[in-house]
């Protein structure tokens, strides 16, 4: 701009002279120039030159900080005054049009768009330079993208081409090339631009980046992001592989470039997110998802565009959640799609929900119901939404619609091989080896058509190919080639997945382990190691969930995988390493949801020890949930821990032996039920010596272990017949002796201890409902010959073994809060009066009362005694709860509390029904008793079934007598109290208070219901 010799304010003149000379004036100098210029213009003392200089100054300040449009609005107003006086001036038209185009891009105001187009065209007629032609093209592009100009893209492309022919400088050349690509990409997608012409423009864009000259890094970065988006968006329609390596290099090259506009930063991060999402890489997906989420809230876009971006962000969150196995995040992403305004997104959400249900049904073996769910998903998919196209094609194949593919593209190959997965499962189920051979021959080449750059597609394809070959090799052991191909396919899938953090790792690793045991060169040791890694993955999947309910859902298949790897270890019996592996495998699948609660509580300490104090602080500040919805803190934290961290590993025999020594126990014993192909096992880890494995053919989890349970504390008098008494109970006690306790007693007798052996039992599967201490040989109960404690897992036993035994100095005693258990009330009063008079008796305690008391600081060693109703649904153990005054105290609430702060309790006595019963998810061992143990309690007493009110009160009084008066350790105190109930002549009961006195010994099911867990 030419300046007159005088007439401008000195401050404004000095700012302009320095700016025109290429100097950057600091913000204070710019603000001073604007303030002095504004006063002169507002008072009417300034003329045309002052208005021009002030407009340029406002524009300069806006360019430095584009977070709001106040300065841009002021500059536009000034330029309009200039143009009112000189309507044909190209320079004013160009600068005003530029600002209007920026504003129109954000506001979508049609008047701004029309005026920007008019001024851009005016500038081209008067200036005819690269800047003016670029502005004109950009204004047409903005209006076209808003839907306000049908032929705007054509006009934009023509004007951008002219601008490039006018010899722009390097910086403007980079900017024009990017905008040209944006317009061409849209036209190409509409089918209005030829492929050759479009590819020529793409290659020109790469050429500009290869020789950027003096182009500013921010503009190079945005061009790189646009080229990456173009590559991602055009490969599938063009029927060619994505060049992801080129895309990654483009985006990575400019990842840390500072951009002047936060919207532009979000655009570049969005390109990275798109790349990671479609390429299936872990990369910087978290950052990218958050970036797209910010774009969805940006004022730069219209409400309609923001809705579209928000739906896309939800799709990206869905992909991330699927890869990471985060069930809560997946449900939230699907819900976001379901509740959004876009009908296509809502249809896609319904389809994804049905696909999830199909997967669950297939995992459970119900192929018919799974097929129906897939058919429903296909019907629910939106018919005209590009995001649904791939899923729709896959569903069409899975449900029997074998319409032709679009060629041998990676996408088409993935669709076809995915369709084969269901056929492989069906053929394996009916043992059809001929069909399996045909499917294996088809799946391998199809998987080979998918490059490794497509891990999201390649991994399941290789898994299907490997599984088909594996099923052939298992049915024809002489087919060594099939075994070798299975091993190669599944090893490749594992390599692409990258490790146990991948959601598909359990299935991949189990399949790979199977394959390693076949062929002419089996590798049992590597097979077991691979199988153990599958169980590490299950631990990961439990830990990544934000709550215990989701953790239970995530590890629903754990028992099946554990049984598979246990069988491998049993096949390799005789190898000491195999026996040690057997112990680790048995423990790896136990109590995963409980372990997740414990690990969450201690995660900050683990992260700090691993050298990540920043992550530890984030965890403490947010209780592990992250600072924002897209903050995937749990996944970041788990990645930060090494695979050897104790959060993923299980204790081996050496660590178990140290815990046995600390507690005075002689052995830890896993009880493993038989199945259709394998006998039952007792895996014994003694305090000294090698691991022993006893074969137990009768250890089957049939009707005897499960047929007598029922949930209600007030079952009735001990002599009543019913589900918890009579023949059913006698049957299970008689069965339990030859099934396990007889062989174990014979083994311990050989130790010549001269005292009852002390065993910690870890019963797996349905065996967790058996009162092993009540096993009967026709003359004696097992409790008379052994001291038995129970454990969820060796991991939890070792954790509790490290806590010292302490006599309680504070106590909370609750009795009959519901008012319908009179003996529970008497029990609570007697325990308080005779054993803990300094404690707190709270007959009508609420759940909040109990939790508040636990959290009270400075209580010292403590005891919690709850005499009330307890309830458990065997099919939904996570719904177990204690009935307190005014409401329930559920398992999930205890575990939610345990995830952030441990329960500071030394002893917990759950004098209620079924508080130790784990329901049908037995390997998870979720119960009220184990929830307290996982939450931090050192010792817990709970019951396996419904117990009668009066006899329970007597047993509890005897237990406290042994603990408090005779000073017995907890496991001995319960055993002696039970022996006293069994035979008072052998082990006399304490003098009972009158309100608890009853005549004669109690029935065995009264005393046998209770078990000891922990220290």
Foldseek 3Di string as FASTA:
>chain_A
DDDDPDQEDPLLVVCVVCVVVVHDDDPVSLVVNLVVLVVCVVVVNHDLVSLQSNLVSLVVVCLQAVPDCPSLVSSLVSLVVVCVVVVLDLVSLLVNLQSLLQVCLLQVDVVSLVSSLVSLVSNCVVPVALSSLQSNLSSLVSCVVSVNDVCSLVSSLVSLVSSVVRPDPLQVVLVSLQSNLVSLLVCVVVVNDDPVVNVVSLVVLVVCLVCSDPHDLLSQLLSLLSSLVSQLVCQVVVQHDRPLVSSVCSLVVNVPPDDSYLLSNLSSLLSVLSSCQQLVHPPPNLSNLVSLLVNLVGSSHDPVVSLVSLLVSLVSQLSVCQFQLAVVSNVVSLVSLCPGPDQQSVLQSQLVVLQVVLVVCVLVVNNVVSLVSLVVSLVSHDDPDPVCVLVNLLSCLLNPNCDPFPDLGLSSLLSNLSNCQSVLVVCLVVVPLVVLVVNLVSLPVSLVSHDLSRLVSNLVSLLSNLSSLLSNCVSPLVPQVSLVSSLVSLVVSCVSSPALSTLCQLSSLQSNLSSQCGHPHHDLVVSLVSLLRSLLSLLSSLLLYPFLVSNCVSCVCLVVSLVSSLVSLVVVPPPLVSLQSNQFSLQSLFQSSLLSLLCLQCLLVQCVVLPRNVLSVQCLVVLQCGDDVSGSSSSVSVVSHDCPDPSRGDDTLVLLLVLCVLVVAFWEWEWAPADPPAFIWIWIRGNDDGIDIDGFRLRHPDCLLPFQFDFKQAPDAQPDDGSNDDPSLVSNLQSLCSRPVVVVLVVVVVVVPVAAHEYEYAYFASNLLGLQQQRDPPDDGNLVRHQYAYERHSRLQSVLSPDDQDDFPEEEFEFALVVPQVLSVVLRVCCCVPFNVVYHYDHQDDLVNVVVVQPDPDRPAYEYEYAAEWDAALVCRQQTWTAGHPGTDTLRNLSSVLSHAARRYAEYEYLYFQQQARHRSRSSSRGNQSSNSSRPYAKYKDFSHHAHRLLSSQLSVQLSCCCGVVVDPNSVSLSLSLVCLVPCVVRNGPDDDPVNDDDDHGDNSRSSGMHMYHD
